[in-house]
Structures are given as structure tokens and as C-alpha cells.
Amino acid sequence: MKRRSFIQKTATASSLIGLGGLSLSSFASLNSKKITILHTNDVHSHIDPFGPNDARNPNKGGIARRAKLIEGFRKENPNTLLLDAGDIFQGTPYFNYYGGELEFKLMSMLKYDAATIGNHDFDNGIDGLYAQLPNANFEFISANYDFKNTVMDRHVKPYKIFNKAGIKIGVFGLGITLEGLVDKSLYKETVYLNPVEIAQDMSRILKEEKKCDLVICLSHLGYNYRNNPEKASDLNLAKATMNIDLIIGGHTHTFLPKPTVAQNVNGDNVLVNQVGAYGLYLGKIDFYFDSDNTKSANGTTIIV
């Protein structure tokens, strides 16, 4: 589907969402600053597009097509961040043969700004992940994996702050519990910390101490779990915290045509988004900042 046609079909579903307790808005000020967040999740080593005879996803995906989309959006708005919510590895022979080298090199060519770590990114062991770091010209961020006694120590940051058009954007990462998903021999002495408690600390630091205008959580917790509603998830995280503006999720391969609007502990709006898997879609969320620091957002999902 052509991009223009897709946007026309989704435009009615992606009106501007007020944040910080504001009501829904249908327009942004002409004088507002625009920050664009592009994101992927659970690409799982899918470099090539699906073929024309694929039963479920014919002629979709592929990193070359994604690159073209990203290039176009950056031309429209240079104040753009590109983020990934984990599970970069595992899923095609490219990973089996190259061990993640190709994935990181191509993401670097696309100029990803940051990624968090998913459970499948340990599939070649923590040593295998570490061995591929020289091929990644972007930051890995994870606040609730303590790598102190592993080779990844000091190679993963809890958060990173970006500055675009004078807007400070704080991004922190969260990963899912590895126990039961990944063999202990693969993640070794990595310590899992409570993601809700860590998110409360990280978002407070970024909002109050670092004075960030926009706080983003890059999460591999999963969107939600109907059979286990108390399990740490993106929707539960949104409800339990107070300083997060956007949660970009992964792990559950959840396709959302537009971001979910959740309410935080103070009743303010939080956007939660996830765009399926395998590089089939690209998430795009535009934030608008007015001169009085109020902000609104417009989100949509684009077929690759």
C-alpha cells in the first residue's frame, strides 16, 4: 500500500492527543516545535521483505524499504529520533550465520539512536551479544538489567538524553525477566531488577533532576497479559508511574494501529505503542511543544 493512501485511511484515527492532563486536541499551534519519534520492535533478524507468495505478509517489510521511509521522515523533520524496543536477534538464517553482525551494521546505517535489549538478544549468550557491540553505532539502554558482574558492564546505560530543537528528551530502557525465558548459562550473572520500581526512579530523575521535556520508556516487558493481569507490562507500568509520556513496547508482538492512551497514577495521559514484529511496520509519533511547554501528540503505524 502506498504511504499516502495508508495515511489517508488512518488520519481519522490519529487526532492529536493532549498530554499532561490536557483534553484531546485536534490541532497544533503553528509556532509549536515538532519532535518525531520513529520506532520498531521485535524485528527478529528479518532483513529481506516477505515474498509475493507469502501467505500472511506478501511484499511487506524489509530493511531497505524501512530505510526509505525513515529517510523521508527525517527530511520532513530533522528533529527525529529512531528507537528499537528489543529482540533484534533470532528469526532468520542471517542471525544463524552472522550472529547479529548484519543486524547491528544495518541498524547503524539507518542511524538508530538507541535500542533496549530483549530476551532473544541473549540467544548467542551474553558473550555473543558483547562480541557484536563494535558493529553497533548506537546506544543500548537498559535500567533494570544489572550487568555489573558480566562482560556487558559499562556497555549499557540506564538512560540517554537527547536534545532536539531545544527540547530535552530522556529515554530509559526496561527488559523482561529472563528467568524462564532464557537459559541461565546464556545471561550468566545478569541481575533482573523490578521494572516498575526502576521506572519510577528513572522517570523521576529524567523529569525532575534532568529537567527533560519528554520522557520515553523503551520497554521489552510486553503490552499486557490477559491471563496474568498483575504481571509487569506496559499498560501496568503506565498506570503505576507519573512522569512517563510515551512507552514504546516490544516482546508480545502486539500490533496497534495507533498508540493506546492510558492514564498514569495522577490521571495524566500516557501513550503506549507497539508495532507488531518482523519489521512489517514502523511506528511514528509526532510531539508538538507550544511556547508555554504544553504538549500534544499524534501517532500512527505505517506499513513497510
Protein backbone atom coordinates (compact mmCIF):
# COMPACT_ATOMS: atom_id res chain seq x y z
CA MET A 1 0.00 0.00 0.00
CA LYS A 2 1.33 3.43 -0.86
CA ARG A 3 2.24 5.59 2.10
CA ARG A 4 -0.10 8.44 1.11
CA SER A 5 -3.04 6.06 0.80
CA PHE A 6 -2.26 4.48 4.16
CA ILE A 7 -2.03 7.86 5.90
CA GLN A 8 -5.35 8.96 4.41
CA LYS A 9 -7.02 5.80 5.68
CA THR A 10 -5.63 6.23 9.20
CA ALA A 11 -5.89 10.01 9.52
CA THR A 12 -9.29 9.94 11.18
CA ALA A 13 -7.95 7.64 13.89
CA SER A 14 -4.88 9.67 14.76
CA SER A 15 -6.09 13.05 16.01
CA LEU A 16 -3.85 14.90 18.41
CA ILE A 17 -3.74 13.58 21.97
CA GLY A 18 -3.27 16.02 24.81
CA LEU A 19 -0.67 15.05 27.42
CA GLY A 20 -0.11 16.15 30.98
CA GLY A 21 -3.81 16.11 31.81
CA LEU A 22 -4.86 18.19 28.80
CA SER A 23 -8.01 17.39 26.86
CA LEU A 24 -7.93 15.89 23.38
CA SER A 25 -6.89 18.39 20.76
CA SER A 26 -7.49 18.45 17.01
CA PHE A 27 -4.73 20.87 16.06
CA ALA A 28 -1.23 22.05 16.99
CA SER A 29 -0.06 25.65 17.16
CA LEU A 30 1.70 26.95 14.08
CA ASN A 31 4.50 28.09 16.37
CA SER A 32 4.96 24.76 18.15
CA LYS A 33 8.13 22.67 17.94
CA LYS A 34 7.70 19.23 16.43
CA ILE A 35 9.62 16.16 17.60
CA THR A 36 9.17 12.93 15.64
CA ILE A 37 9.72 9.53 17.26
CA LEU A 38 10.13 6.58 14.87
CA HIS A 39 10.29 3.11 16.34
CA THR A 40 10.46 -0.64 15.71
CA ASN A 41 10.36 -3.75 17.89
CA ASP A 42 10.89 -7.50 17.58
CA VAL A 43 12.43 -7.30 14.11
CA HIS A 44 13.98 -10.75 14.73
CA SER A 45 16.69 -10.61 12.07
CA HIS A 46 14.25 -10.00 9.21
CA ILE A 47 16.49 -8.25 6.70
CA ASP A 48 14.65 -9.12 3.48
CA PRO A 49 10.98 -8.38 2.71
CA PHE A 50 8.46 -11.18 2.74
CA GLY A 51 7.99 -12.64 -0.72
CA PRO A 52 4.99 -12.07 -3.02
CA ASN A 53 3.68 -15.57 -2.30
CA ASP A 54 3.87 -15.36 1.48
CA ALA A 55 0.54 -16.44 2.94
CA ARG A 56 0.34 -13.76 5.65
CA ASN A 57 2.61 -10.83 4.72
CA PRO A 58 3.16 -10.74 0.96
CA ASN A 59 5.50 -7.97 -0.21
CA LYS A 60 5.80 -6.43 3.25
CA GLY A 61 8.79 -5.47 5.35
CA GLY A 62 12.46 -5.41 4.51
CA ILE A 63 15.12 -3.12 5.88
CA ALA A 64 15.67 -1.31 2.55
CA ARG A 65 12.03 -0.20 2.46
CA ARG A 66 12.22 0.85 6.09
CA ALA A 67 15.34 2.87 5.33
CA LYS A 68 13.50 4.73 2.56
CA LEU A 69 10.59 5.58 4.86
CA ILE A 70 12.93 6.77 7.59
CA GLU A 71 14.89 8.91 5.16
CA GLY A 72 11.70 10.60 4.03
CA PHE A 73 10.52 11.35 7.56
CA ARG A 74 13.91 12.79 8.51
CA LYS A 75 13.73 15.12 5.52
CA GLU A 76 10.28 16.26 6.66
CA ASN A 77 11.51 16.82 10.21
CA PRO A 78 15.22 16.77 11.14
CA ASN A 79 14.20 16.67 14.81
CA THR A 80 13.65 12.91 14.69
CA LEU A 81 14.70 10.02 16.92
CA LEU A 82 14.78 6.37 15.79
CA LEU A 83 14.42 3.76 18.56
CA ASP A 84 14.10 -0.03 18.86
CA ALA A 85 12.43 -1.96 21.70
CA GLY A 86 14.49 -5.15 21.55
CA ASP A 87 14.57 -8.68 20.12
CA ILE A 88 16.79 -7.57 17.29
CA PHE A 89 18.25 -11.09 17.05
CA GLN A 90 16.90 -14.53 16.11
CA GLY A 91 14.45 -15.49 13.41
CA THR A 92 16.23 -15.93 10.07
CA PRO A 93 19.39 -17.63 8.77
CA TYR A 94 21.11 -14.23 8.80
CA PHE A 95 21.37 -14.49 12.58
CA ASN A 96 22.33 -18.16 12.50
CA TYR A 97 25.22 -17.40 10.14
CA TYR A 98 26.40 -13.92 11.15
CA GLY A 99 25.46 -13.95 14.85
CA GLY A 100 23.98 -10.44 14.86
CA GLU A 101 26.72 -8.66 12.95
CA LEU A 102 24.50 -7.83 9.98
CA GLU A 103 21.59 -6.61 12.13
CA PHE A 104 23.76 -4.15 14.06
CA LYS A 105 25.60 -2.91 10.97
CA LEU A 106 22.34 -2.24 9.12
CA MET A 107 20.75 -0.52 12.11
CA SER A 108 23.85 1.66 12.29
CA MET A 109 23.45 2.54 8.61
CA LEU A 110 19.85 3.54 9.34
CA LYS A 111 21.22 5.69 12.19
CA TYR A 112 19.24 4.28 15.05
CA ASP A 113 19.68 6.46 18.12
CA ALA A 114 19.10 3.82 20.81
CA ALA A 115 17.78 0.32 21.46
CA THR A 116 16.91 -1.71 24.50
CA ILE A 117 17.70 -5.40 24.99
CA GLY A 118 15.15 -8.19 24.50
CA ASN A 119 15.30 -11.75 25.75
CA HIS A 120 16.22 -13.12 22.29
CA ASP A 121 19.21 -10.81 22.14
CA PHE A 122 20.81 -13.28 24.58
CA ASP A 123 20.31 -16.25 22.23
CA ASN A 124 24.03 -16.43 21.44
CA GLY A 125 24.78 -15.81 25.09
CA ILE A 126 25.83 -12.60 26.73
CA ASP A 127 29.29 -13.14 25.26
CA GLY A 128 27.76 -13.31 21.78
CA LEU A 129 25.90 -10.06 22.37
CA TYR A 130 29.05 -8.40 23.68
CA ALA A 131 31.06 -9.61 20.67
CA GLN A 132 28.73 -7.74 18.29
CA LEU A 133 28.81 -4.38 20.11
CA PRO A 134 31.60 -2.96 17.89
CA ASN A 135 29.15 -3.23 14.97
CA ALA A 136 26.55 -1.02 16.69
CA ASN A 137 26.96 2.74 16.30
CA PHE A 138 24.05 3.43 18.62
CA GLU A 139 23.41 3.24 22.35
CA PHE A 140 21.99 0.28 24.25
CA ILE A 141 19.93 1.36 27.23
CA SER A 142 18.52 -0.82 29.99
CA ALA A 143 17.89 0.34 33.54
CA ASN A 144 16.65 -2.88 35.16
CA TYR A 145 19.33 -5.31 33.93
CA ASP A 146 22.30 -5.09 36.27
CA PHE A 147 25.31 -6.19 34.20
CA LYS A 148 27.88 -5.40 36.90
CA ASN A 149 29.40 -8.90 37.02
CA THR A 150 29.26 -9.58 33.28
CA VAL A 151 31.15 -8.58 30.13
CA MET A 152 28.36 -6.07 29.37
CA ASP A 153 29.24 -3.98 32.42
CA ARG A 154 29.62 -0.29 31.43
CA HIS A 155 28.48 -1.02 27.88
CA VAL A 156 24.78 -0.47 28.62
CA LYS A 157 23.43 2.81 30.02
CA PRO A 158 20.25 3.10 32.09
CA TYR A 159 19.15 6.15 30.11
CA LYS A 160 20.23 8.65 27.49
CA ILE A 161 19.22 12.28 26.99
CA PHE A 162 18.82 13.74 23.52
CA ASN A 163 18.40 17.41 22.62
CA LYS A 164 16.34 18.27 19.56
CA ALA A 165 15.39 21.88 18.75
CA GLY A 166 15.99 22.81 22.39
CA ILE A 167 13.69 20.03 23.63
CA LYS A 168 15.30 17.63 26.11
CA ILE A 169 14.21 14.04 25.53
CA GLY A 170 15.07 11.44 28.16
CA VAL A 171 14.91 7.78 27.11
CA PHE A 172 15.35 4.87 29.52
CA GLY A 173 15.14 1.13 28.88
CA LEU A 174 13.44 -1.81 30.59
CA GLY A 175 13.76 -5.55 29.93
CA ILE A 176 11.58 -8.54 30.76
CA THR A 177 12.57 -11.10 33.38
CA LEU A 178 15.00 -13.57 31.81
CA GLU A 179 14.33 -16.44 34.18
CA GLY A 180 12.13 -18.99 32.44
CA LEU A 181 12.67 -17.38 29.03
CA VAL A 182 16.45 -17.65 28.68
CA ASP A 183 18.76 -20.35 29.97
CA LYS A 184 20.84 -19.08 32.91
CA SER A 185 24.02 -20.15 31.12
CA LEU A 186 23.28 -17.56 28.43
CA TYR A 187 22.68 -14.46 30.56
CA LYS A 188 25.03 -15.58 33.36
CA GLU A 189 25.25 -13.09 36.26
CA THR A 190 22.82 -10.54 34.82
CA VAL A 191 20.54 -9.41 37.67
CA TYR A 192 16.91 -8.53 36.96
CA LEU A 193 15.54 -5.55 38.89
CA ASN A 194 11.87 -4.72 39.44
CA PRO A 195 10.87 -2.73 36.33
CA VAL A 196 8.12 -0.68 38.00
CA GLU A 197 10.39 0.47 40.82
CA ILE A 198 13.18 1.24 38.36
CA ALA A 199 10.78 3.12 36.06
CA GLN A 200 9.60 5.26 38.96
CA ASP A 201 13.21 6.18 39.76
CA MET A 202 14.30 6.71 36.16
CA SER A 203 11.31 8.84 35.18
CA ARG A 204 11.70 10.98 38.32
CA ILE A 205 15.39 11.53 37.60
CA LEU A 206 14.75 12.44 33.98
CA LYS A 207 11.78 14.71 34.65
CA GLU A 208 12.74 16.38 37.93
CA GLU A 209 16.54 16.25 38.12
CA LYS A 210 17.49 16.34 34.44
CA LYS A 211 14.54 18.61 33.51
CA CYS A 212 13.56 16.61 30.44
CA ASP A 213 10.61 17.93 28.45
CA LEU A 214 9.74 14.47 27.15
CA VAL A 215 10.29 11.13 28.94
CA ILE A 216 10.21 7.91 26.91
CA CYS A 217 10.40 4.35 28.21
CA LEU A 218 11.82 1.86 25.73
CA SER A 219 10.32 -1.36 27.02
CA HIS A 220 10.57 -5.08 26.29
CA LEU A 221 8.08 -6.03 29.02
CA GLY A 222 5.12 -6.81 26.76
CA TYR A 223 1.91 -4.84 26.14
CA ASN A 224 -0.33 -6.70 28.61
CA TYR A 225 -1.14 -10.25 29.77
CA ARG A 226 -4.82 -11.15 30.00
CA ASN A 227 -4.10 -14.47 31.69
CA ASN A 228 -1.79 -12.81 34.22
CA PRO A 229 -3.08 -9.25 34.71
CA GLU A 230 -0.67 -8.48 37.57
CA LYS A 231 2.43 -9.28 35.53
CA ALA A 232 4.70 -6.33 34.71
CA SER A 233 3.57 -4.95 31.37
CA ASP A 234 3.47 -1.67 29.51
CA LEU A 235 -0.13 -0.92 30.48
CA ASN A 236 0.55 -1.70 34.15
CA LEU A 237 3.72 0.38 34.01
CA ALA A 238 1.81 3.37 32.65
CA LYS A 239 -0.75 3.14 35.48
CA ALA A 240 1.89 2.83 38.23
CA THR A 241 4.14 5.78 37.31
CA MET A 242 3.75 9.52 36.95
CA ASN A 243 6.46 11.07 34.73
CA ILE A 244 6.43 8.96 31.55
CA ASP A 245 4.99 10.47 28.37
CA LEU A 246 5.48 7.55 25.98
CA ILE A 247 6.10 3.82 26.39
CA ILE A 248 7.44 2.11 23.26
CA GLY A 249 6.94 -1.60 23.75
CA GLY A 250 8.04 -4.98 22.47
CA HIS A 251 8.03 -8.70 23.27
CA THR A 252 4.34 -9.54 22.77
CA HIS A 253 4.37 -8.69 19.03
CA THR A 254 1.27 -6.56 19.60
CA PHE A 255 0.09 -4.60 16.57
CA LEU A 256 -1.51 -1.27 17.40
CA PRO A 257 -2.79 0.89 14.52
CA LYS A 258 -2.33 3.91 16.78
CA PRO A 259 -0.99 4.39 20.32
CA THR A 260 -3.13 3.39 23.28
CA VAL A 261 -3.92 6.29 25.61
CA ALA A 262 -3.51 5.13 29.23
CA GLN A 263 -3.72 7.14 32.44
CA ASN A 264 -0.88 7.32 34.95
CA VAL A 265 -1.12 7.41 38.72
CA ASN A 266 -2.03 11.13 38.56
CA GLY A 267 -4.65 10.63 35.86
CA ASP A 268 -2.49 12.18 33.14
CA ASN A 269 -2.30 10.68 29.66
CA VAL A 270 0.48 8.26 28.71
CA LEU A 271 0.92 6.94 25.18
CA VAL A 272 1.68 3.21 24.83
CA ASN A 273 2.64 1.88 21.42
CA GLN A 274 3.91 -1.33 19.80
CA VAL A 275 4.08 -2.18 16.09
CA GLY A 276 3.85 -5.94 15.71
CA ALA A 277 7.03 -7.71 14.65
CA TYR A 278 9.46 -8.66 11.85
CA GLY A 279 9.91 -5.13 10.53
CA LEU A 280 6.46 -5.14 8.92
CA TYR A 281 5.54 -1.77 10.42
CA LEU A 282 7.15 1.46 11.52
CA GLY A 283 5.74 3.44 14.44
CA LYS A 284 5.59 7.22 14.06
CA ILE A 285 4.62 9.61 16.85
CA ASP A 286 4.83 13.39 16.48
CA PHE A 287 5.02 15.52 19.62
CA TYR A 288 4.19 19.22 19.47
CA PHE A 289 5.56 21.60 22.11
CA ASP A 290 3.97 25.03 22.43
CA SER A 291 5.72 28.11 23.79
CA ASP A 292 4.17 27.56 27.24
CA ASN A 293 5.64 23.99 27.31
CA THR A 294 2.28 22.28 26.86
CA LYS A 295 2.49 19.30 24.54
CA SER A 296 0.29 17.13 22.39
CA ALA A 297 0.97 14.09 20.24
CA ASN A 298 -0.21 12.46 17.04
CA GLY A 299 0.59 8.78 16.46
CA THR A 300 0.12 6.30 13.63
CA THR A 301 1.53 2.98 12.39
CA ILE A 302 2.89 2.73 8.85
CA ILE A 303 3.05 -0.41 6.71
CA VAL A 304 6.53 -1.10 5.40
